[in-house]
Amino acid sequence: MAHAYSPKAIQRCMHCGVRTIEHGILIDEDTAKLMTARQAYLVPTLVIYQALAEIGQKLGFPQESLQKLAAVREQGLQAIKIARKAGVKIGFGTDL
C-alpha cells in the first residue's frame, strides 16, 4: 500500500508491486488502465476532505485552505470517475 497522488507516483508504485493506492487524486486514464491490469485497488479517502470542508472554518482554517480543500475534493471525485471507467477496484478508507 502506498499514499500516492500523481500519475507518475502511482505508475512507479504499480511497477514496484504496490497493490493499493491511497488517495490517487490526480490519476489519469492511462494510469487507471495500468492499475486495472495490475489488479490494484484505489482507496480515494475523500471523506477527509469533506469533513475538513464542513468543520474547517470552525477550526480556524484560512479561506485559502478551505478553497483548496474544495478543489481537491472535486479532483478526487473526478479521479473516482476515471478509475471506475477503467475498471479499477475501489475500496473505502477515511484518513480520519
PDB file of N, CA and C in Angstrom:
ATOM      1  N   MET A   1       0.844  -1.164   0.000  1.00  0.00           N
ATOM      2  CA  MET A   1       0.000   0.000   0.000  1.00  0.00           C
ATOM      3  C   MET A   1       0.890   1.227   0.000  1.00  0.00           C
ATOM      4  N   ALA A   2       0.453   2.246  -0.736  1.00  0.00           N
ATOM      5  CA  ALA A   2       1.217   3.494  -0.763  1.00  0.00           C
ATOM      6  C   ALA A   2       0.276   4.680  -0.889  1.00  0.00           C
ATOM      7  N   HIS A   3       0.670   5.766  -0.269  1.00  0.00           N
ATOM      8  CA  HIS A   3      -0.030   7.034  -0.460  1.00  0.00           C
ATOM      9  C   HIS A   3       0.595   7.680  -1.685  1.00  0.00           C
ATOM     10  N   ALA A   4      -0.203   7.885  -2.724  1.00  0.00           N
ATOM     11  CA  ALA A   4       0.309   8.484  -3.959  1.00  0.00           C
ATOM     12  C   ALA A   4      -0.796   9.322  -4.588  1.00  0.00           C
ATOM     13  N   TYR A   5      -0.399  10.407  -5.205  1.00  0.00           N
ATOM     14  CA  TYR A   5      -1.368  11.336  -5.778  1.00  0.00           C
ATOM     15  C   TYR A   5      -1.251  11.453  -7.294  1.00  0.00           C
ATOM     16  N   SER A   6      -0.047  11.601  -7.809  1.00  0.00           N
ATOM     17  CA  SER A   6       0.148  11.896  -9.233  1.00  0.00           C
ATOM     18  C   SER A   6       0.245  10.618 -10.064  1.00  0.00           C
ATOM     19  N   PRO A   7      -0.042  10.735 -11.364  1.00  0.00           N
ATOM     20  CA  PRO A   7       0.108   9.572 -12.241  1.00  0.00           C
ATOM     21  C   PRO A   7       1.517   8.970 -12.184  1.00  0.00           C
ATOM     22  N   LYS A   8       2.537   9.809 -12.195  1.00  0.00           N
ATOM     23  CA  LYS A   8       3.912   9.301 -12.164  1.00  0.00           C
ATOM     24  C   LYS A   8       4.172   8.490 -10.897  1.00  0.00           C
ATOM     25  N   ALA A   9       3.715   9.000  -9.767  1.00  0.00           N
ATOM     26  CA  ALA A   9       3.917   8.287  -8.499  1.00  0.00           C
ATOM     27  C   ALA A   9       3.138   6.978  -8.472  1.00  0.00           C
ATOM     28  N   ILE A  10       1.907   7.005  -8.957  1.00  0.00           N
ATOM     29  CA  ILE A  10       1.083   5.795  -8.982  1.00  0.00           C
ATOM     30  C   ILE A  10       1.696   4.754  -9.914  1.00  0.00           C
ATOM     31  N   GLN A  11       2.146   5.189 -11.082  1.00  0.00           N
ATOM     32  CA  GLN A  11       2.769   4.258 -12.025  1.00  0.00           C
ATOM     33  C   GLN A  11       4.014   3.621 -11.429  1.00  0.00           C
ATOM     34  N   ARG A  12       4.807   4.404 -10.750  1.00  0.00           N
ATOM     35  CA  ARG A  12       6.018   3.867 -10.100  1.00  0.00           C
ATOM     36  C   ARG A  12       5.628   2.808  -9.076  1.00  0.00           C
ATOM     37  N   CYS A  13       4.596   3.098  -8.318  1.00  0.00           N
ATOM     38  CA  CYS A  13       4.108   2.122  -7.333  1.00  0.00           C
ATOM     39  C   CYS A  13       3.671   0.831  -8.017  1.00  0.00           C
ATOM     40  N   MET A  14       2.952   0.952  -9.119  1.00  0.00           N
ATOM     41  CA  MET A  14       2.479  -0.239  -9.835  1.00  0.00           C
ATOM     42  C   MET A  14       3.656  -1.082 -10.305  1.00  0.00           C
ATOM     43  N   HIS A  15       4.683  -0.423 -10.816  1.00  0.00           N
ATOM     44  CA  HIS A  15       5.861  -1.151 -11.311  1.00  0.00           C
ATOM     45  C   HIS A  15       6.685  -1.763 -10.188  1.00  0.00           C
ATOM     46  N   CYS A  16       6.490  -1.264  -8.969  1.00  0.00           N
ATOM     47  CA  CYS A  16       7.198  -1.813  -7.802  1.00  0.00           C
ATOM     48  C   CYS A  16       6.365  -2.855  -7.048  1.00  0.00           C
ATOM     49  N   GLY A  17       5.189  -3.175  -7.573  1.00  0.00           N
ATOM     50  CA  GLY A  17       4.385  -4.231  -6.967  1.00  0.00           C
ATOM     51  C   GLY A  17       3.358  -3.787  -5.942  1.00  0.00           C
ATOM     52  N   VAL A  18       3.171  -2.490  -5.781  1.00  0.00           N
ATOM     53  CA  VAL A  18       2.159  -1.999  -4.852  1.00  0.00           C
ATOM     54  C   VAL A  18       0.776  -2.397  -5.377  1.00  0.00           C
ATOM     55  N   ARG A  19      -0.104  -2.827  -4.488  1.00  0.00           N
ATOM     56  CA  ARG A  19      -1.429  -3.287  -4.905  1.00  0.00           C
ATOM     57  C   ARG A  19      -2.560  -2.340  -4.511  1.00  0.00           C
ATOM     58  N   THR A  20      -2.285  -1.380  -3.608  1.00  0.00           N
ATOM     59  CA  THR A  20      -3.323  -0.462  -3.162  1.00  0.00           C
ATOM     60  C   THR A  20      -2.762   0.953  -3.131  1.00  0.00           C
ATOM     61  N   ILE A  21      -3.479   1.869  -3.759  1.00  0.00           N
ATOM     62  CA  ILE A  21      -3.093   3.279  -3.770  1.00  0.00           C
ATOM     63  C   ILE A  21      -4.085   4.065  -2.926  1.00  0.00           C
ATOM     64  N   GLU A  22      -3.563   4.737  -1.913  1.00  0.00           N
ATOM     65  CA  GLU A  22      -4.367   5.632  -1.097  1.00  0.00           C
ATOM     66  C   GLU A  22      -4.332   7.009  -1.755  1.00  0.00           C
ATOM     67  N   HIS A  23      -5.455   7.617  -1.892  1.00  0.00           N
ATOM     68  CA  HIS A  23      -5.661   8.949  -2.479  1.00  0.00           C
ATOM     69  C   HIS A  23      -5.767   8.858  -4.000  1.00  0.00           C
ATOM     70  N   GLY A  24      -4.688   8.941  -4.751  1.00  0.00           N
ATOM     71  CA  GLY A  24      -4.743   8.833  -6.205  1.00  0.00           C
ATOM     72  C   GLY A  24      -5.521   9.957  -6.873  1.00  0.00           C
ATOM     73  N   ILE A  25      -5.562  11.090  -6.266  1.00  0.00           N
ATOM     74  CA  ILE A  25      -6.450  12.176  -6.695  1.00  0.00           C
ATOM     75  C   ILE A  25      -6.150  12.692  -8.094  1.00  0.00           C
ATOM     76  N   LEU A  26      -4.928  12.601  -8.548  1.00  0.00           N
ATOM     77  CA  LEU A  26      -4.566  13.145  -9.859  1.00  0.00           C
ATOM     78  C   LEU A  26      -4.470  12.070 -10.941  1.00  0.00           C
ATOM     79  N   ILE A  27      -5.031  10.909 -10.679  1.00  0.00           N
ATOM     80  CA  ILE A  27      -4.949   9.786 -11.618  1.00  0.00           C
ATOM     81  C   ILE A  27      -5.436  10.195 -13.012  1.00  0.00           C
ATOM     82  N   ASP A  28      -4.802   9.634 -14.028  1.00  0.00           N
ATOM     83  CA  ASP A  28      -5.260   9.851 -15.397  1.00  0.00           C
ATOM     84  C   ASP A  28      -5.696   8.503 -15.986  1.00  0.00           C
ATOM     85  N   GLU A  29      -6.226   8.536 -17.197  1.00  0.00           N
ATOM     86  CA  GLU A  29      -6.785   7.322 -17.801  1.00  0.00           C
ATOM     87  C   GLU A  29      -5.743   6.225 -17.996  1.00  0.00           C
ATOM     88  N   ASP A  30      -4.558   6.586 -18.478  1.00  0.00           N
ATOM     89  CA  ASP A  30      -3.513   5.574 -18.693  1.00  0.00           C
ATOM     90  C   ASP A  30      -3.099   4.906 -17.383  1.00  0.00           C
ATOM     91  N   THR A  31      -2.994   5.695 -16.341  1.00  0.00           N
ATOM     92  CA  THR A  31      -2.614   5.152 -15.038  1.00  0.00           C
ATOM     93  C   THR A  31      -3.715   4.257 -14.484  1.00  0.00           C
ATOM     94  N   ALA A  32      -4.959   4.660 -14.671  1.00  0.00           N
ATOM     95  CA  ALA A  32      -6.085   3.833 -14.231  1.00  0.00           C
ATOM     96  C   ALA A  32      -6.083   2.493 -14.962  1.00  0.00           C
ATOM     97  N   LYS A  33      -5.786   2.505 -16.247  1.00  0.00           N
ATOM     98  CA  LYS A  33      -5.719   1.255 -17.013  1.00  0.00           C
ATOM     99  C   LYS A  33      -4.593   0.360 -16.498  1.00  0.00           C
ATOM    100  N   LEU A  34      -3.468   0.970 -16.146  1.00  0.00           N
ATOM    101  CA  LEU A  34      -2.355   0.207 -15.576  1.00  0.00           C
ATOM    102  C   LEU A  34      -2.771  -0.416 -14.249  1.00  0.00           C
ATOM    103  N   MET A  35      -3.476   0.335 -13.429  1.00  0.00           N
ATOM    104  CA  MET A  35      -3.947  -0.210 -12.155  1.00  0.00           C
ATOM    105  C   MET A  35      -4.869  -1.401 -12.379  1.00  0.00           C
ATOM    106  N   THR A  36      -5.745  -1.297 -13.362  1.00  0.00           N
ATOM    107  CA  THR A  36      -6.648  -2.409 -13.669  1.00  0.00           C
ATOM    108  C   THR A  36      -5.841  -3.627 -14.114  1.00  0.00           C
ATOM    109  N   ALA A  37      -4.875  -3.410 -14.979  1.00  0.00           N
ATOM    110  CA  ALA A  37      -4.042  -4.516 -15.471  1.00  0.00           C
ATOM    111  C   ALA A  37      -3.271  -5.184 -14.339  1.00  0.00           C
ATOM    112  N   ARG A  38      -2.870  -4.407 -13.338  1.00  0.00           N
ATOM    113  CA  ARG A  38      -2.111  -4.938 -12.193  1.00  0.00           C
ATOM    114  C   ARG A  38      -3.019  -5.414 -11.061  1.00  0.00           C
ATOM    115  N   GLN A  39      -4.325  -5.349 -11.286  1.00  0.00           N
ATOM    116  CA  GLN A  39      -5.329  -5.754 -10.291  1.00  0.00           C
ATOM    117  C   GLN A  39      -5.134  -4.996  -8.980  1.00  0.00           C
ATOM    118  N   ALA A  40      -4.851  -3.712  -9.111  1.00  0.00           N
ATOM    119  CA  ALA A  40      -4.633  -2.861  -7.947  1.00  0.00           C
ATOM    120  C   ALA A  40      -5.936  -2.182  -7.532  1.00  0.00           C
ATOM    121  N   TYR A  41      -5.951  -1.708  -6.320  1.00  0.00           N
ATOM    122  CA  TYR A  41      -7.107  -1.031  -5.748  1.00  0.00           C
ATOM    123  C   TYR A  41      -6.806   0.448  -5.544  1.00  0.00           C
ATOM    124  N   LEU A  42      -7.842   1.263  -5.639  1.00  0.00           N
ATOM    125  CA  LEU A  42      -7.761   2.674  -5.299  1.00  0.00           C
ATOM    126  C   LEU A  42      -8.609   2.904  -4.054  1.00  0.00           C
ATOM    127  N   VAL A  43      -8.039   3.568  -3.067  1.00  0.00           N
ATOM    128  CA  VAL A  43      -8.775   3.945  -1.853  1.00  0.00           C
ATOM    129  C   VAL A  43      -8.714   5.479  -1.798  1.00  0.00           C
ATOM    130  N   PRO A  44      -9.743   6.152  -2.332  1.00  0.00           N
ATOM    131  CA  PRO A  44      -9.667   7.602  -2.516  1.00  0.00           C
ATOM    132  C   PRO A  44      -9.646   8.448  -1.241  1.00  0.00           C
ATOM    133  N   THR A  45     -10.179   7.983  -0.151  1.00  0.00           N
ATOM    134  CA  THR A  45     -10.190   8.698   1.136  1.00  0.00           C
ATOM    135  C   THR A  45     -10.726  10.125   1.034  1.00  0.00           C
ATOM    136  N   LEU A  46     -11.759  10.324   0.247  1.00  0.00           N
ATOM    137  CA  LEU A  46     -12.296  11.671   0.049  1.00  0.00           C
ATOM    138  C   LEU A  46     -13.053  12.205   1.250  1.00  0.00           C
ATOM    139  N   VAL A  47     -13.479  11.349   2.125  1.00  0.00           N
ATOM    140  CA  VAL A  47     -14.273  11.810   3.260  1.00  0.00           C
ATOM    141  C   VAL A  47     -13.490  12.787   4.138  1.00  0.00           C
ATOM    142  N   ILE A  48     -12.179  12.662   4.183  1.00  0.00           N
ATOM    143  CA  ILE A  48     -11.378  13.600   4.975  1.00  0.00           C
ATOM    144  C   ILE A  48     -11.522  15.016   4.442  1.00  0.00           C
ATOM    145  N   TYR A  49     -11.561  15.165   3.125  1.00  0.00           N
ATOM    146  CA  TYR A  49     -11.705  16.500   2.533  1.00  0.00           C
ATOM    147  C   TYR A  49     -13.095  17.070   2.803  1.00  0.00           C
ATOM    148  N   GLN A  50     -14.089  16.211   2.761  1.00  0.00           N
ATOM    149  CA  GLN A  50     -15.457  16.639   3.076  1.00  0.00           C
ATOM    150  C   GLN A  50     -15.559  17.063   4.540  1.00  0.00           C
ATOM    151  N   ALA A  51     -14.997  16.260   5.422  1.00  0.00           N
ATOM    152  CA  ALA A  51     -15.058  16.574   6.855  1.00  0.00           C
ATOM    153  C   ALA A  51     -14.352  17.891   7.149  1.00  0.00           C
ATOM    154  N   LEU A  52     -13.189  18.091   6.562  1.00  0.00           N
ATOM    155  CA  LEU A  52     -12.461  19.334   6.804  1.00  0.00           C
ATOM    156  C   LEU A  52     -13.189  20.539   6.210  1.00  0.00           C
ATOM    157  N   ALA A  53     -13.857  20.338   5.079  1.00  0.00           N
ATOM    158  CA  ALA A  53     -14.638  21.427   4.488  1.00  0.00           C
ATOM    159  C   ALA A  53     -15.784  21.822   5.407  1.00  0.00           C
ATOM    160  N   GLU A  54     -16.360  20.832   6.081  1.00  0.00           N
ATOM    161  CA  GLU A  54     -17.503  21.102   6.965  1.00  0.00           C
ATOM    162  C   GLU A  54     -17.089  21.750   8.282  1.00  0.00           C
ATOM    163  N   ILE A  55     -15.935  21.383   8.815  1.00  0.00           N
ATOM    164  CA  ILE A  55     -15.550  21.918  10.127  1.00  0.00           C
ATOM    165  C   ILE A  55     -14.317  22.810  10.078  1.00  0.00           C
ATOM    166  N   GLY A  56     -13.745  22.979   8.902  1.00  0.00           N
ATOM    167  CA  GLY A  56     -12.513  23.749   8.771  1.00  0.00           C
ATOM    168  C   GLY A  56     -12.616  25.180   9.250  1.00  0.00           C
ATOM    169  N   GLN A  57     -13.711  25.833   8.915  1.00  0.00           N
ATOM    170  CA  GLN A  57     -13.872  27.223   9.335  1.00  0.00           C
ATOM    171  C   GLN A  57     -13.924  27.319  10.862  1.00  0.00           C
ATOM    172  N   LYS A  58     -14.644  26.389  11.476  1.00  0.00           N
ATOM    173  CA  LYS A  58     -14.744  26.367  12.938  1.00  0.00           C
ATOM    174  C   LYS A  58     -13.370  26.110  13.574  1.00  0.00           C
ATOM    175  N   LEU A  59     -12.531  25.354  12.881  1.00  0.00           N
ATOM    176  CA  LEU A  59     -11.191  25.059  13.385  1.00  0.00           C
ATOM    177  C   LEU A  59     -10.196  26.172  13.094  1.00  0.00           C
ATOM    178  N   GLY A  60     -10.639  27.207  12.383  1.00  0.00           N
ATOM    179  CA  GLY A  60      -9.773  28.337  12.090  1.00  0.00           C
ATOM    180  C   GLY A  60      -8.990  28.237  10.800  1.00  0.00           C
ATOM    181  N   PHE A  61      -9.388  27.334   9.901  1.00  0.00           N
ATOM    182  CA  PHE A  61      -8.705  27.233   8.616  1.00  0.00           C
ATOM    183  C   PHE A  61      -8.883  28.548   7.858  1.00  0.00           C
ATOM    184  N   PRO A  62      -7.836  29.048   7.220  1.00  0.00           N
ATOM    185  CA  PRO A  62      -7.991  30.253   6.395  1.00  0.00           C
ATOM    186  C   PRO A  62      -8.849  29.955   5.157  1.00  0.00           C
ATOM    187  N   GLN A  63      -9.445  30.980   4.616  1.00  0.00           N
ATOM    188  CA  GLN A  63     -10.310  30.819   3.441  1.00  0.00           C
ATOM    189  C   GLN A  63      -9.561  30.158   2.284  1.00  0.00           C
ATOM    190  N   GLU A  64      -8.307  30.511   2.118  1.00  0.00           N
ATOM    191  CA  GLU A  64      -7.492  29.922   1.048  1.00  0.00           C
ATOM    192  C   GLU A  64      -7.423  28.392   1.192  1.00  0.00           C
ATOM    193  N   SER A  65      -7.268  27.914   2.406  1.00  0.00           N
ATOM    194  CA  SER A  65      -7.210  26.473   2.662  1.00  0.00           C
ATOM    195  C   SER A  65      -8.557  25.816   2.391  1.00  0.00           C
ATOM    196  N   LEU A  66      -9.632  26.470   2.756  1.00  0.00           N
ATOM    197  CA  LEU A  66     -10.969  25.929   2.501  1.00  0.00           C
ATOM    198  C   LEU A  66     -11.233  25.830   1.002  1.00  0.00           C
ATOM    199  N   GLN A  67     -10.763  26.813   0.249  1.00  0.00           N
ATOM    200  CA  GLN A  67     -10.915  26.762  -1.207  1.00  0.00           C
ATOM    201  C   GLN A  67     -10.091  25.625  -1.806  1.00  0.00           C
ATOM    202  N   LYS A  68      -8.902  25.426  -1.283  1.00  0.00           N
ATOM    203  CA  LYS A  68      -8.052  24.328  -1.759  1.00  0.00           C
ATOM    204  C   LYS A  68      -8.707  22.977  -1.454  1.00  0.00           C
ATOM    205  N   LEU A  69      -9.286  22.841  -0.266  1.00  0.00           N
ATOM    206  CA  LEU A  69      -9.987  21.601   0.087  1.00  0.00           C
ATOM    207  C   LEU A  69     -11.107  21.300  -0.898  1.00  0.00           C
ATOM    208  N   ALA A  70     -11.854  22.328  -1.278  1.00  0.00           N
ATOM    209  CA  ALA A  70     -12.954  22.144  -2.229  1.00  0.00           C
ATOM    210  C   ALA A  70     -12.415  21.693  -3.580  1.00  0.00           C
ATOM    211  N   ALA A  71     -11.309  22.285  -4.018  1.00  0.00           N
ATOM    212  CA  ALA A  71     -10.716  21.907  -5.306  1.00  0.00           C
ATOM    213  C   ALA A  71     -10.194  20.475  -5.273  1.00  0.00           C
ATOM    214  N   VAL A  72      -9.549  20.103  -4.182  1.00  0.00           N
ATOM    215  CA  VAL A  72      -9.015  18.744  -4.050  1.00  0.00           C
ATOM    216  C   VAL A  72     -10.161  17.732  -4.030  1.00  0.00           C
ATOM    217  N   ARG A  73     -11.230  18.047  -3.328  1.00  0.00           N
ATOM    218  CA  ARG A  73     -12.398  17.155  -3.276  1.00  0.00           C
ATOM    219  C   ARG A  73     -12.972  16.955  -4.673  1.00  0.00           C
ATOM    220  N   GLU A  74     -13.114  18.025  -5.428  1.00  0.00           N
ATOM    221  CA  GLU A  74     -13.639  17.916  -6.795  1.00  0.00           C
ATOM    222  C   GLU A  74     -12.726  17.068  -7.672  1.00  0.00           C
ATOM    223  N   GLN A  75     -11.420  17.273  -7.555  1.00  0.00           N
ATOM    224  CA  GLN A  75     -10.469  16.472  -8.318  1.00  0.00           C
ATOM    225  C   GLN A  75     -10.562  15.006  -7.912  1.00  0.00           C
ATOM    226  N   GLY A  76     -10.775  14.758  -6.631  1.00  0.00           N
ATOM    227  CA  GLY A  76     -10.937  13.388  -6.147  1.00  0.00           C
ATOM    228  C   GLY A  76     -12.166  12.719  -6.712  1.00  0.00           C
ATOM    229  N   LEU A  77     -13.259  13.456  -6.820  1.00  0.00           N
ATOM    230  CA  LEU A  77     -14.475  12.895  -7.423  1.00  0.00           C
ATOM    231  C   LEU A  77     -14.236  12.557  -8.889  1.00  0.00           C
ATOM    232  N   GLN A  78     -13.485  13.403  -9.582  1.00  0.00           N
ATOM    233  CA  GLN A  78     -13.128  13.131 -10.977  1.00  0.00           C
ATOM    234  C   GLN A  78     -12.243  11.884 -11.060  1.00  0.00           C
ATOM    235  N   ALA A  79     -11.330  11.734 -10.115  1.00  0.00           N
ATOM    236  CA  ALA A  79     -10.442  10.566 -10.098  1.00  0.00           C
ATOM    237  C   ALA A  79     -11.244   9.275  -9.964  1.00  0.00           C
ATOM    238  N   ILE A  80     -12.280   9.301  -9.142  1.00  0.00           N
ATOM    239  CA  ILE A  80     -13.128   8.116  -8.988  1.00  0.00           C
ATOM    240  C   ILE A  80     -13.807   7.782 -10.306  1.00  0.00           C
ATOM    241  N   LYS A  81     -14.289   8.781 -11.015  1.00  0.00           N
ATOM    242  CA  LYS A  81     -14.923   8.543 -12.326  1.00  0.00           C
ATOM    243  C   LYS A  81     -13.943   7.902 -13.298  1.00  0.00           C
ATOM    244  N   ILE A  82     -12.723   8.433 -13.330  1.00  0.00           N
ATOM    245  CA  ILE A  82     -11.696   7.886 -14.231  1.00  0.00           C
ATOM    246  C   ILE A  82     -11.382   6.442 -13.854  1.00  0.00           C
ATOM    247  N   ALA A  83     -11.216   6.186 -12.569  1.00  0.00           N
ATOM    248  CA  ALA A  83     -10.886   4.836 -12.103  1.00  0.00           C
ATOM    249  C   ALA A  83     -12.017   3.858 -12.408  1.00  0.00           C
ATOM    250  N   ARG A  84     -13.232   4.249 -12.136  1.00  0.00           N
ATOM    251  CA  ARG A  84     -14.370   3.356 -12.391  1.00  0.00           C
ATOM    252  C   ARG A  84     -14.492   3.038 -13.877  1.00  0.00           C
ATOM    253  N   LYS A  85     -14.309   4.042 -14.705  1.00  0.00           N
ATOM    254  CA  LYS A  85     -14.397   3.835 -16.159  1.00  0.00           C
ATOM    255  C   LYS A  85     -13.366   2.805 -16.626  1.00  0.00           C
ATOM    256  N   ALA A  86     -12.194   2.810 -15.994  1.00  0.00           N
ATOM    257  CA  ALA A  86     -11.125   1.878 -16.367  1.00  0.00           C
ATOM    258  C   ALA A  86     -11.264   0.519 -15.691  1.00  0.00           C
ATOM    259  N   GLY A  87     -12.222   0.408 -14.760  1.00  0.00           N
ATOM    260  CA  GLY A  87     -12.422  -0.873 -14.087  1.00  0.00           C
ATOM    261  C   GLY A  87     -11.554  -1.086 -12.862  1.00  0.00           C
ATOM    262  N   VAL A  88     -10.992  -0.006 -12.318  1.00  0.00           N
ATOM    263  CA  VAL A  88     -10.178  -0.124 -11.109  1.00  0.00           C
ATOM    264  C   VAL A  88     -11.095  -0.484  -9.934  1.00  0.00           C
ATOM    265  N   LYS A  89     -10.637  -1.427  -9.118  1.00  0.00           N
ATOM    266  CA  LYS A  89     -11.375  -1.779  -7.908  1.00  0.00           C
ATOM    267  C   LYS A  89     -11.190  -0.649  -6.897  1.00  0.00           C
ATOM    268  N   ILE A  90     -12.286  -0.237  -6.263  1.00  0.00           N
ATOM    269  CA  ILE A  90     -12.239   0.898  -5.340  1.00  0.00           C
ATOM    270  C   ILE A  90     -12.603   0.429  -3.942  1.00  0.00           C
ATOM    271  N   GLY A  91     -11.758   0.810  -2.993  1.00  0.00           N
ATOM    272  CA  GLY A  91     -12.002   0.471  -1.596  1.00  0.00           C
ATOM    273  C   GLY A  91     -12.395   1.703  -0.815  1.00  0.00           C
ATOM    274  N   PHE A  92     -12.674   1.512   0.465  1.00  0.00           N
ATOM    275  CA  PHE A  92     -13.092   2.603   1.327  1.00  0.00           C
ATOM    276  C   PHE A  92     -12.052   2.832   2.421  1.00  0.00           C
ATOM    277  N   GLY A  93     -11.687   4.071   2.597  1.00  0.00           N
ATOM    278  CA  GLY A  93     -10.797   4.477   3.667  1.00  0.00           C
ATOM    279  C   GLY A  93     -11.126   5.906   4.030  1.00  0.00           C
ATOM    280  N   THR A  94     -10.749   6.344   5.223  1.00  0.00           N
ATOM    281  CA  THR A  94     -11.181   7.658   5.666  1.00  0.00           C
ATOM    282  C   THR A  94     -10.066   8.649   5.947  1.00  0.00           C
ATOM    283  N   ASP A  95      -8.918   8.205   6.419  1.00  0.00           N
ATOM    284  CA  ASP A  95      -7.854   9.081   6.902  1.00  0.00           C
ATOM    285  C   ASP A  95      -8.316   9.926   8.086  1.00  0.00           C
ATOM    286  N   LEU A  96      -9.420   9.565   8.703  1.00  0.00           N
ATOM    287  CA  LEU A  96      -9.917  10.333   9.840  1.00  0.00           C
ATOM    288  C   LEU A  96      -9.343   9.810  11.138  1.00  0.00           C
TER     289      LEU A  96
END
